[in-house]
């Protein structure tokens, strides 16, 4: 097919989803509804907990609250429409709705990359320069880092969304996916997508390289500091402080590298659906669980809230 000589106006896309089996769709609906409900409760709970507990008014938890906000936003851009499609035969999404879903999802995923890097820098300062921590990680710096993360995410996603939705979709409007992901749209288009692929590769590489490099340098300094610590208790505390963050970073960046740094010729959309479920729905539910289960401050704050609620009942 000559990619670029044919054109048509597309007013809506059809999201294929996971399966055509009605019985399996009901099962998947229940499973993903449970996951999304936990995501909402966990991330909203984390945001509220950090807001109401004075002991959590520190840079680390300031970043964590915005991490929960990002998880909440990009999962909510995907899950409601996906759940609705499990229950009805018409799985259409409007052209504008598809663009909006892609834009919101991309914005907050990008922002999360930079938030995780900011959190690594925060842990580096806390462990390597504890006496200068409050001065270095000032409120102004923390707000600037978060604002920068959101700004880069919004601009980067705008570029990809703009170029993706200028393409022609003349052969089909059926997206073999459960949401409007950029690689799925590129695979569907009959236009020449080399510019889109180049932009996706360059921007994702820049985001991944810059954030990963900052994370690696931060943890290299942390490792060197820990090795110089004589106290076994001090080493254990330092490792415990960083373990949750490292686990979240590994899961998140590993999945993104697999999904977005490949040429479209290597896409296997049926396989990629499984990977997409992991970072669109599973990671947002894992992050607050990882931080709450491994973090003494968060667990103490949770018990305080529980005791207060029990005392009122």
C-alpha atoms as a PDB file:
ATOM      1  CA  UNK A   1       0.000   0.000   0.000  1.00  0.00           C
ATOM      2  CA  UNK A   2       1.252   3.459  -0.866  1.00  0.00           C
ATOM      3  CA  UNK A   3       1.443   5.208   2.489  1.00  0.00           C
ATOM      4  CA  UNK A   4       0.480   8.803   1.905  1.00  0.00           C
ATOM      5  CA  UNK A   5      -1.424   8.882  -1.429  1.00  0.00           C
ATOM      6  CA  UNK A   6      -4.795   7.973   0.068  1.00  0.00           C
ATOM      7  CA  UNK A   7      -6.611   9.959   2.711  1.00  0.00           C
ATOM      8  CA  UNK A   8      -9.918   9.930   4.534  1.00  0.00           C
ATOM      9  CA  UNK A   9     -11.605  11.770   7.361  1.00  0.00           C
ATOM     10  CA  UNK A  10     -11.849   9.726  10.562  1.00  0.00           C
ATOM     11  CA  UNK A  11     -14.420  10.828  13.121  1.00  0.00           C
ATOM     12  CA  UNK A  12     -13.980   7.961  15.550  1.00  0.00           C
ATOM     13  CA  UNK A  13     -11.825   4.952  16.340  1.00  0.00           C
ATOM     14  CA  UNK A  14     -12.833   1.471  17.449  1.00  0.00           C
ATOM     15  CA  UNK A  15     -10.858   0.060  20.387  1.00  0.00           C
ATOM     16  CA  UNK A  16     -10.581  -3.697  19.955  1.00  0.00           C
ATOM     17  CA  UNK A  17      -9.689  -4.338  23.594  1.00  0.00           C
ATOM     18  CA  UNK A  18      -8.629  -7.759  24.841  1.00  0.00           C
ATOM     19  CA  UNK A  19     -11.180 -10.310  23.693  1.00  0.00           C
ATOM     20  CA  UNK A  20     -14.489 -10.843  21.890  1.00  0.00           C
ATOM     21  CA  UNK A  21     -15.689 -13.463  24.385  1.00  0.00           C
ATOM     22  CA  UNK A  22     -18.583 -12.058  26.479  1.00  0.00           C
ATOM     23  CA  UNK A  23     -17.796 -14.376  29.393  1.00  0.00           C
ATOM     24  CA  UNK A  24     -14.139 -13.388  29.469  1.00  0.00           C
ATOM     25  CA  UNK A  25     -15.063  -9.717  29.172  1.00  0.00           C
ATOM     26  CA  UNK A  26     -17.144  -9.980  32.351  1.00  0.00           C
ATOM     27  CA  UNK A  27     -14.233 -11.595  34.180  1.00  0.00           C
ATOM     28  CA  UNK A  28     -11.790  -8.944  32.944  1.00  0.00           C
ATOM     29  CA  UNK A  29     -14.243  -6.206  33.893  1.00  0.00           C
ATOM     30  CA  UNK A  30     -14.362  -7.458  37.485  1.00  0.00           C
ATOM     31  CA  UNK A  31     -10.579  -7.831  37.691  1.00  0.00           C
ATOM     32  CA  UNK A  32      -9.780  -4.386  36.266  1.00  0.00           C
ATOM     33  CA  UNK A  33     -12.571  -2.738  38.238  1.00  0.00           C
ATOM     34  CA  UNK A  34     -10.991  -4.096  41.412  1.00  0.00           C
ATOM     35  CA  UNK A  35      -7.530  -2.902  40.345  1.00  0.00           C
ATOM     36  CA  UNK A  36      -8.792   0.569  39.418  1.00  0.00           C
ATOM     37  CA  UNK A  37     -10.789   0.888  42.648  1.00  0.00           C
ATOM     38  CA  UNK A  38      -7.686   0.033  44.686  1.00  0.00           C
ATOM     39  CA  UNK A  39      -5.703   2.534  42.591  1.00  0.00           C
ATOM     40  CA  UNK A  40      -8.178   5.304  43.386  1.00  0.00           C
ATOM     41  CA  UNK A  41      -8.327   4.491  47.098  1.00  0.00           C
ATOM     42  CA  UNK A  42      -4.567   4.008  47.494  1.00  0.00           C
ATOM     43  CA  UNK A  43      -3.458   7.121  45.628  1.00  0.00           C
ATOM     44  CA  UNK A  44      -6.174   9.412  46.951  1.00  0.00           C
ATOM     45  CA  UNK A  45      -5.482   8.043  50.419  1.00  0.00           C
ATOM     46  CA  UNK A  46      -1.771   8.734  50.048  1.00  0.00           C
ATOM     47  CA  UNK A  47      -2.403  12.314  48.883  1.00  0.00           C
ATOM     48  CA  UNK A  48      -4.829  13.025  51.750  1.00  0.00           C
ATOM     49  CA  UNK A  49      -2.570  11.343  54.317  1.00  0.00           C
ATOM     50  CA  UNK A  50       0.420  13.470  53.289  1.00  0.00           C
ATOM     51  CA  UNK A  51      -1.749  16.579  53.336  1.00  0.00           C
ATOM     52  CA  UNK A  52      -3.184  16.087  56.847  1.00  0.00           C
ATOM     53  CA  UNK A  53      -0.179  14.666  58.709  1.00  0.00           C
ATOM     54  CA  UNK A  54       2.393  17.353  59.678  1.00  0.00           C
ATOM     55  CA  UNK A  55       5.160  14.738  60.023  1.00  0.00           C
ATOM     56  CA  UNK A  56       4.820  14.011  56.299  1.00  0.00           C
ATOM     57  CA  UNK A  57       5.301  17.659  55.292  1.00  0.00           C
ATOM     58  CA  UNK A  58       8.807  17.021  53.980  1.00  0.00           C
ATOM     59  CA  UNK A  59      10.266  17.164  50.439  1.00  0.00           C
ATOM     60  CA  UNK A  60      10.213  13.369  50.097  1.00  0.00           C
ATOM     61  CA  UNK A  61       6.474  13.150  50.757  1.00  0.00           C
ATOM     62  CA  UNK A  62       5.787  16.290  48.741  1.00  0.00           C
ATOM     63  CA  UNK A  63       7.209  14.460  45.722  1.00  0.00           C
ATOM     64  CA  UNK A  64       5.392  11.268  46.702  1.00  0.00           C
ATOM     65  CA  UNK A  65       2.041  13.081  46.783  1.00  0.00           C
ATOM     66  CA  UNK A  66       2.626  14.308  43.229  1.00  0.00           C
ATOM     67  CA  UNK A  67       3.714  10.816  42.177  1.00  0.00           C
ATOM     68  CA  UNK A  68       0.358   9.541  43.465  1.00  0.00           C
ATOM     69  CA  UNK A  69      -1.392  12.367  41.611  1.00  0.00           C
ATOM     70  CA  UNK A  70       0.318  11.370  38.340  1.00  0.00           C
ATOM     71  CA  UNK A  71      -0.571   7.702  38.866  1.00  0.00           C
ATOM     72  CA  UNK A  72      -4.161   8.708  39.541  1.00  0.00           C
ATOM     73  CA  UNK A  73      -4.398  10.910  36.443  1.00  0.00           C
ATOM     74  CA  UNK A  74      -2.898   8.647  33.820  1.00  0.00           C
ATOM     75  CA  UNK A  75      -4.701   5.541  35.064  1.00  0.00           C
ATOM     76  CA  UNK A  76      -7.971   7.510  35.094  1.00  0.00           C
ATOM     77  CA  UNK A  77      -7.357   8.553  31.491  1.00  0.00           C
ATOM     78  CA  UNK A  78      -7.451   4.870  30.511  1.00  0.00           C
ATOM     79  CA  UNK A  79      -9.457   2.772  32.985  1.00  0.00           C
ATOM     80  CA  UNK A  80     -13.003   4.276  32.850  1.00  0.00           C
ATOM     81  CA  UNK A  81     -13.256   3.979  29.056  1.00  0.00           C
ATOM     82  CA  UNK A  82     -11.723   0.495  29.109  1.00  0.00           C
ATOM     83  CA  UNK A  83     -14.178  -0.678  31.795  1.00  0.00           C
ATOM     84  CA  UNK A  84     -17.104   0.775  29.872  1.00  0.00           C
ATOM     85  CA  UNK A  85     -16.049  -1.036  26.696  1.00  0.00           C
ATOM     86  CA  UNK A  86     -16.154  -4.374  28.520  1.00  0.00           C
ATOM     87  CA  UNK A  87     -19.899  -3.874  29.050  1.00  0.00           C
ATOM     88  CA  UNK A  88     -21.039  -2.736  25.625  1.00  0.00           C
ATOM     89  CA  UNK A  89     -20.747  -3.795  22.009  1.00  0.00           C
ATOM     90  CA  UNK A  90     -20.030  -0.314  20.658  1.00  0.00           C
ATOM     91  CA  UNK A  91     -16.374   0.260  21.560  1.00  0.00           C
ATOM     92  CA  UNK A  92     -16.016   3.531  19.638  1.00  0.00           C
ATOM     93  CA  UNK A  93     -14.101   6.547  20.895  1.00  0.00           C
ATOM     94  CA  UNK A  94     -14.357   9.906  19.142  1.00  0.00           C
ATOM     95  CA  UNK A  95     -11.370  11.373  17.320  1.00  0.00           C
ATOM     96  CA  UNK A  96     -11.171  14.208  19.876  1.00  0.00           C
ATOM     97  CA  UNK A  97     -11.646  11.780  22.762  1.00  0.00           C
ATOM     98  CA  UNK A  98      -8.831   9.584  21.471  1.00  0.00           C
ATOM     99  CA  UNK A  99      -6.536  12.609  21.155  1.00  0.00           C
ATOM    100  CA  UNK A 100      -7.437  13.784  24.672  1.00  0.00           C
ATOM    101  CA  UNK A 101      -6.830  10.327  26.145  1.00  0.00           C
ATOM    102  CA  UNK A 102      -3.451  10.052  24.439  1.00  0.00           C
ATOM    103  CA  UNK A 103      -2.446  13.559  25.535  1.00  0.00           C
ATOM    104  CA  UNK A 104      -3.411  13.194  29.206  1.00  0.00           C
ATOM    105  CA  UNK A 105      -1.795   9.782  29.457  1.00  0.00           C
ATOM    106  CA  UNK A 106       1.467  10.910  27.839  1.00  0.00           C
ATOM    107  CA  UNK A 107       1.657  14.099  29.910  1.00  0.00           C
ATOM    108  CA  UNK A 108       1.505  12.397  33.284  1.00  0.00           C
ATOM    109  CA  UNK A 109       3.728   9.464  32.310  1.00  0.00           C
ATOM    110  CA  UNK A 110       6.446  11.925  31.264  1.00  0.00           C
ATOM    111  CA  UNK A 111       5.944  13.937  34.447  1.00  0.00           C
ATOM    112  CA  UNK A 112       6.324  10.781  36.521  1.00  0.00           C
ATOM    113  CA  UNK A 113       9.715  10.071  34.934  1.00  0.00           C
ATOM    114  CA  UNK A 114      11.037  13.420  36.165  1.00  0.00           C
ATOM    115  CA  UNK A 115       9.352  13.098  39.560  1.00  0.00           C
ATOM    116  CA  UNK A 116      11.139   9.792  40.139  1.00  0.00           C
ATOM    117  CA  UNK A 117      14.426  11.501  39.233  1.00  0.00           C
ATOM    118  CA  UNK A 118      13.658  14.359  41.649  1.00  0.00           C
ATOM    119  CA  UNK A 119      12.929  11.809  44.375  1.00  0.00           C
ATOM    120  CA  UNK A 120      16.302  10.140  43.723  1.00  0.00           C
ATOM    121  CA  UNK A 121      18.049  13.511  44.096  1.00  0.00           C
ATOM    122  CA  UNK A 122      16.096  14.148  47.300  1.00  0.00           C
ATOM    123  CA  UNK A 123      17.254  10.806  48.776  1.00  0.00           C
ATOM    124  CA  UNK A 124      20.823  11.566  47.701  1.00  0.00           C
ATOM    125  CA  UNK A 125      20.851  14.882  49.562  1.00  0.00           C
ATOM    126  CA  UNK A 126      19.133  13.344  52.606  1.00  0.00           C
ATOM    127  CA  UNK A 127      21.726  10.563  52.939  1.00  0.00           C
ATOM    128  CA  UNK A 128      24.888  12.235  51.646  1.00  0.00           C
ATOM    129  CA  UNK A 129      24.380  15.759  53.062  1.00  0.00           C
ATOM    130  CA  UNK A 130      21.937  15.346  55.967  1.00  0.00           C
ATOM    131  CA  UNK A 131      23.009  18.559  57.724  1.00  0.00           C
ATOM    132  CA  UNK A 132      22.346  20.611  54.591  1.00  0.00           C
ATOM    133  CA  UNK A 133      19.148  18.781  53.642  1.00  0.00           C
ATOM    134  CA  UNK A 134      16.623  21.409  54.763  1.00  0.00           C
ATOM    135  CA  UNK A 135      18.617  24.202  53.120  1.00  0.00           C
ATOM    136  CA  UNK A 136      19.259  22.359  49.853  1.00  0.00           C
ATOM    137  CA  UNK A 137      15.776  20.894  49.436  1.00  0.00           C
ATOM    138  CA  UNK A 138      13.988  24.168  50.018  1.00  0.00           C
ATOM    139  CA  UNK A 139      10.293  24.624  49.343  1.00  0.00           C
ATOM    140  CA  UNK A 140      11.120  26.781  46.329  1.00  0.00           C
ATOM    141  CA  UNK A 141      13.358  24.117  44.789  1.00  0.00           C
ATOM    142  CA  UNK A 142      10.798  21.357  45.366  1.00  0.00           C
ATOM    143  CA  UNK A 143       8.006  23.384  43.766  1.00  0.00           C
ATOM    144  CA  UNK A 144      10.280  24.253  40.832  1.00  0.00           C
ATOM    145  CA  UNK A 145      11.193  20.601  40.253  1.00  0.00           C
ATOM    146  CA  UNK A 146       7.559  19.513  40.294  1.00  0.00           C
ATOM    147  CA  UNK A 147       6.484  22.393  38.046  1.00  0.00           C
ATOM    148  CA  UNK A 148       9.295  21.526  35.635  1.00  0.00           C
ATOM    149  CA  UNK A 149       8.202  17.878  35.546  1.00  0.00           C
ATOM    150  CA  UNK A 150       4.619  18.820  34.666  1.00  0.00           C
ATOM    151  CA  UNK A 151       5.697  21.414  32.090  1.00  0.00           C
ATOM    152  CA  UNK A 152       7.980  18.983  30.240  1.00  0.00           C
ATOM    153  CA  UNK A 153       5.276  16.319  30.318  1.00  0.00           C
ATOM    154  CA  UNK A 154       2.580  18.630  28.957  1.00  0.00           C
ATOM    155  CA  UNK A 155       4.775  20.022  26.168  1.00  0.00           C
ATOM    156  CA  UNK A 156       6.260  16.677  25.134  1.00  0.00           C
ATOM    157  CA  UNK A 157       2.870  14.983  25.001  1.00  0.00           C
ATOM    158  CA  UNK A 158       1.415  17.910  23.046  1.00  0.00           C
ATOM    159  CA  UNK A 159       4.070  17.463  20.344  1.00  0.00           C
ATOM    160  CA  UNK A 160       3.425  13.716  19.987  1.00  0.00           C
ATOM    161  CA  UNK A 161      -0.352  14.103  20.057  1.00  0.00           C
ATOM    162  CA  UNK A 162      -0.291  16.917  17.494  1.00  0.00           C
ATOM    163  CA  UNK A 163       1.809  14.987  14.982  1.00  0.00           C
ATOM    164  CA  UNK A 164       0.035  11.657  15.565  1.00  0.00           C
ATOM    165  CA  UNK A 165      -3.443  13.053  14.946  1.00  0.00           C
ATOM    166  CA  UNK A 166      -2.376  14.841  11.766  1.00  0.00           C
ATOM    167  CA  UNK A 167      -1.757  11.453  10.142  1.00  0.00           C
ATOM    168  CA  UNK A 168      -4.153   9.836   7.647  1.00  0.00           C
ATOM    169  CA  UNK A 169      -6.056   6.727   8.699  1.00  0.00           C
ATOM    170  CA  UNK A 170      -7.353   5.520   5.347  1.00  0.00           C
ATOM    171  CA  UNK A 171      -7.222   1.738   5.624  1.00  0.00           C
ATOM    172  CA  UNK A 172      -9.010   1.285   8.948  1.00  0.00           C
ATOM    173  CA  UNK A 173     -10.125   3.048  12.114  1.00  0.00           C
ATOM    174  CA  UNK A 174      -9.869  -0.088  14.244  1.00  0.00           C
ATOM    175  CA  UNK A 175      -7.163   0.223  16.927  1.00  0.00           C
ATOM    176  CA  UNK A 176      -5.884  -3.152  18.102  1.00  0.00           C
ATOM    177  CA  UNK A 177      -5.500  -1.904  21.662  1.00  0.00           C
ATOM    178  CA  UNK A 178      -7.560  -0.979  24.725  1.00  0.00           C
ATOM    179  CA  UNK A 179      -6.607   2.717  24.619  1.00  0.00           C
ATOM    180  CA  UNK A 180      -5.282   5.326  22.187  1.00  0.00           C
ATOM    181  CA  UNK A 181      -1.572   4.643  22.504  1.00  0.00           C
ATOM    182  CA  UNK A 182       0.754   6.440  20.090  1.00  0.00           C
ATOM    183  CA  UNK A 183       2.518   3.280  18.767  1.00  0.00           C
ATOM    184  CA  UNK A 184      -0.870   1.680  18.040  1.00  0.00           C
ATOM    185  CA  UNK A 185      -1.953   4.775  16.105  1.00  0.00           C
ATOM    186  CA  UNK A 186       1.296   4.809  14.114  1.00  0.00           C
ATOM    187  CA  UNK A 187       0.796   1.159  13.202  1.00  0.00           C
ATOM    188  CA  UNK A 188      -2.742   1.966  12.022  1.00  0.00           C
ATOM    189  CA  UNK A 189      -1.870   5.013   9.900  1.00  0.00           C
ATOM    190  CA  UNK A 190      -1.412   4.832   6.141  1.00  0.00           C
ATOM    191  CA  UNK A 191       0.769   7.966   6.177  1.00  0.00           C
ATOM    192  CA  UNK A 192       4.525   7.964   6.339  1.00  0.00           C
ATOM    193  CA  UNK A 193       5.212   7.821  10.077  1.00  0.00           C
ATOM    194  CA  UNK A 194       9.002   8.175  10.020  1.00  0.00           C
ATOM    195  CA  UNK A 195       8.872  11.659  11.587  1.00  0.00           C
ATOM    196  CA  UNK A 196       6.575  10.458  14.366  1.00  0.00           C
ATOM    197  CA  UNK A 197       8.797   7.470  15.059  1.00  0.00           C
ATOM    198  CA  UNK A 198      11.886   9.688  15.060  1.00  0.00           C
ATOM    199  CA  UNK A 199      10.281  12.179  17.457  1.00  0.00           C
ATOM    200  CA  UNK A 200       9.086   9.385  19.724  1.00  0.00           C
ATOM    201  CA  UNK A 201      12.508   7.768  19.795  1.00  0.00           C
ATOM    202  CA  UNK A 202      14.399  11.049  20.349  1.00  0.00           C
ATOM    203  CA  UNK A 203      12.138  12.444  23.070  1.00  0.00           C
ATOM    204  CA  UNK A 204      11.761   9.144  24.904  1.00  0.00           C
ATOM    205  CA  UNK A 205      15.512   8.595  24.697  1.00  0.00           C
ATOM    206  CA  UNK A 206      16.187  12.102  26.040  1.00  0.00           C
ATOM    207  CA  UNK A 207      13.666  11.655  28.857  1.00  0.00           C
ATOM    208  CA  UNK A 208      14.962   8.203  29.748  1.00  0.00           C
ATOM    209  CA  UNK A 209      18.659   9.100  29.468  1.00  0.00           C
ATOM    210  CA  UNK A 210      18.388  12.349  31.444  1.00  0.00           C
ATOM    211  CA  UNK A 211      16.225  10.947  34.236  1.00  0.00           C
ATOM    212  CA  UNK A 212      18.014   7.608  34.428  1.00  0.00           C
ATOM    213  CA  UNK A 213      21.411   9.338  34.489  1.00  0.00           C
ATOM    214  CA  UNK A 214      20.325  11.569  37.371  1.00  0.00           C
ATOM    215  CA  UNK A 215      18.974   8.544  39.211  1.00  0.00           C
ATOM    216  CA  UNK A 216      22.156   6.505  38.647  1.00  0.00           C
ATOM    217  CA  UNK A 217      24.437   9.361  39.737  1.00  0.00           C
ATOM    218  CA  UNK A 218      22.289   9.982  42.823  1.00  0.00           C
ATOM    219  CA  UNK A 219      22.406   6.350  43.849  1.00  0.00           C
ATOM    220  CA  UNK A 220      26.112   6.098  43.126  1.00  0.00           C
ATOM    221  CA  UNK A 221      26.681   8.884  45.664  1.00  0.00           C
ATOM    222  CA  UNK A 222      24.295   7.135  48.054  1.00  0.00           C
ATOM    223  CA  UNK A 223      26.175   3.844  47.666  1.00  0.00           C
ATOM    224  CA  UNK A 224      29.535   5.499  48.286  1.00  0.00           C
ATOM    225  CA  UNK A 225      28.148   7.198  51.403  1.00  0.00           C
ATOM    226  CA  UNK A 226      26.673   3.955  52.711  1.00  0.00           C
ATOM    227  CA  UNK A 227      29.985   2.131  52.183  1.00  0.00           C
ATOM    228  CA  UNK A 228      31.697   4.775  54.330  1.00  0.00           C
ATOM    229  CA  UNK A 229      29.145   4.360  57.104  1.00  0.00           C
ATOM    230  CA  UNK A 230      30.508   2.224  59.916  1.00  0.00           C
ATOM    231  CA  UNK A 231      27.231   1.655  61.711  1.00  0.00           C
ATOM    232  CA  UNK A 232      25.322  -1.440  60.572  1.00  0.00           C
ATOM    233  CA  UNK A 233      22.119   0.221  61.722  1.00  0.00           C
ATOM    234  CA  UNK A 234      22.918   3.292  59.638  1.00  0.00           C
ATOM    235  CA  UNK A 235      23.518   1.170  56.545  1.00  0.00           C
ATOM    236  CA  UNK A 236      20.267  -0.709  57.057  1.00  0.00           C
ATOM    237  CA  UNK A 237      18.330   2.524  57.496  1.00  0.00           C
ATOM    238  CA  UNK A 238      19.846   4.001  54.326  1.00  0.00           C
ATOM    239  CA  UNK A 239      19.067   0.889  52.283  1.00  0.00           C
ATOM    240  CA  UNK A 240      15.536   0.783  53.672  1.00  0.00           C
ATOM    241  CA  UNK A 241      15.003   4.424  52.750  1.00  0.00           C
ATOM    242  CA  UNK A 242      15.973   3.808  49.121  1.00  0.00           C
ATOM    243  CA  UNK A 243      14.572   0.307  48.540  1.00  0.00           C
ATOM    244  CA  UNK A 244      10.993   1.404  47.815  1.00  0.00           C
ATOM    245  CA  UNK A 245      12.102   4.101  45.404  1.00  0.00           C
ATOM    246  CA  UNK A 246      14.490   1.787  43.551  1.00  0.00           C
ATOM    247  CA  UNK A 247      11.768  -0.836  43.118  1.00  0.00           C
ATOM    248  CA  UNK A 248       9.336   1.716  41.659  1.00  0.00           C
ATOM    249  CA  UNK A 249      12.022   3.085  39.321  1.00  0.00           C
ATOM    250  CA  UNK A 250      12.984  -0.361  38.020  1.00  0.00           C
ATOM    251  CA  UNK A 251       9.393  -1.352  37.262  1.00  0.00           C
ATOM    252  CA  UNK A 252       8.409   1.956  35.684  1.00  0.00           C
ATOM    253  CA  UNK A 253      11.466   2.676  33.528  1.00  0.00           C
ATOM    254  CA  UNK A 254      11.914  -0.946  32.483  1.00  0.00           C
ATOM    255  CA  UNK A 255       8.402  -1.080  31.044  1.00  0.00           C
ATOM    256  CA  UNK A 256       8.681   2.308  29.302  1.00  0.00           C
ATOM    257  CA  UNK A 257      11.978   1.378  27.642  1.00  0.00           C
ATOM    258  CA  UNK A 258      10.421  -1.818  26.310  1.00  0.00           C
ATOM    259  CA  UNK A 259       7.327  -0.040  24.973  1.00  0.00           C
ATOM    260  CA  UNK A 260       8.540   3.205  23.402  1.00  0.00           C
ATOM    261  CA  UNK A 261      12.097   2.879  22.122  1.00  0.00           C
ATOM    262  CA  UNK A 262      11.398   0.366  19.359  1.00  0.00           C
ATOM    263  CA  UNK A 263      10.609   0.951  15.675  1.00  0.00           C
ATOM    264  CA  UNK A 264       6.984   0.351  14.672  1.00  0.00           C
ATOM    265  CA  UNK A 265       8.041  -2.644  12.560  1.00  0.00           C
ATOM    266  CA  UNK A 266       8.799  -4.533  15.775  1.00  0.00           C
ATOM    267  CA  UNK A 267       5.436  -3.818  17.443  1.00  0.00           C
ATOM    268  CA  UNK A 268       3.387  -6.852  18.377  1.00  0.00           C
ATOM    269  CA  UNK A 269       0.203  -5.176  19.558  1.00  0.00           C
ATOM    270  CA  UNK A 270      -1.292  -8.322  21.072  1.00  0.00           C
ATOM    271  CA  UNK A 271       1.849  -8.753  23.176  1.00  0.00           C
ATOM    272  CA  UNK A 272       2.121  -5.034  23.887  1.00  0.00           C
ATOM    273  CA  UNK A 273      -1.381  -4.995  25.379  1.00  0.00           C
ATOM    274  CA  UNK A 274      -0.095  -7.081  28.273  1.00  0.00           C
ATOM    275  CA  UNK A 275       2.851  -4.741  28.815  1.00  0.00           C
ATOM    276  CA  UNK A 276       0.523  -1.749  28.560  1.00  0.00           C
ATOM    277  CA  UNK A 277      -1.759  -3.138  31.263  1.00  0.00           C
ATOM    278  CA  UNK A 278       1.264  -3.327  33.511  1.00  0.00           C
ATOM    279  CA  UNK A 279       2.267   0.325  33.316  1.00  0.00           C
ATOM    280  CA  UNK A 280      -1.202   1.864  32.828  1.00  0.00           C
ATOM    281  CA  UNK A 281      -3.028   0.002  35.606  1.00  0.00           C
ATOM    282  CA  UNK A 282      -0.691  -2.169  37.669  1.00  0.00           C
ATOM    283  CA  UNK A 283       2.094   0.352  38.403  1.00  0.00           C
ATOM    284  CA  UNK A 284      -0.353   2.995  39.712  1.00  0.00           C
ATOM    285  CA  UNK A 285      -1.690   0.480  42.216  1.00  0.00           C
ATOM    286  CA  UNK A 286       1.768  -0.796  43.158  1.00  0.00           C
ATOM    287  CA  UNK A 287       3.458   2.541  43.907  1.00  0.00           C
ATOM    288  CA  UNK A 288       1.425   3.532  46.990  1.00  0.00           C
ATOM    289  CA  UNK A 289       1.462  -0.062  48.257  1.00  0.00           C
ATOM    290  CA  UNK A 290       5.248  -0.267  47.950  1.00  0.00           C
ATOM    291  CA  UNK A 291       5.784   3.037  49.729  1.00  0.00           C
ATOM    292  CA  UNK A 292       3.232   2.382  52.479  1.00  0.00           C
ATOM    293  CA  UNK A 293       4.321  -1.185  53.217  1.00  0.00           C
ATOM    294  CA  UNK A 294       8.037  -0.340  53.418  1.00  0.00           C
ATOM    295  CA  UNK A 295       7.800   3.098  54.978  1.00  0.00           C
ATOM    296  CA  UNK A 296       7.565   3.525  58.752  1.00  0.00           C
ATOM    297  CA  UNK A 297       6.457   7.184  58.579  1.00  0.00           C
ATOM    298  CA  UNK A 298       3.547   6.357  56.276  1.00  0.00           C
ATOM    299  CA  UNK A 299       2.499   3.366  58.376  1.00  0.00           C
ATOM    300  CA  UNK A 300       2.606   5.488  61.550  1.00  0.00           C
ATOM    301  CA  UNK A 301       0.475   8.158  59.863  1.00  0.00           C
ATOM    302  CA  UNK A 302      -2.016   5.516  58.738  1.00  0.00           C
ATOM    303  CA  UNK A 303      -2.344   4.172  62.283  1.00  0.00           C
ATOM    304  CA  UNK A 304      -2.914   7.686  63.603  1.00  0.00           C
ATOM    305  CA  UNK A 305      -5.789   8.181  61.179  1.00  0.00           C
ATOM    306  CA  UNK A 306      -7.250   4.774  62.046  1.00  0.00           C
ATOM    307  CA  UNK A 307      -7.090   5.504  65.785  1.00  0.00           C
ATOM    308  CA  UNK A 308      -8.761   8.886  65.252  1.00  0.00           C
ATOM    309  CA  UNK A 309     -11.534   7.309  63.218  1.00  0.00           C
ATOM    310  CA  UNK A 310     -12.059   4.607  65.839  1.00  0.00           C
ATOM    311  CA  UNK A 311     -12.171   7.171  68.620  1.00  0.00           C
ATOM    312  CA  UNK A 312     -14.966   9.051  66.823  1.00  0.00           C
ATOM    313  CA  UNK A 313     -17.017   5.897  66.255  1.00  0.00           C
END
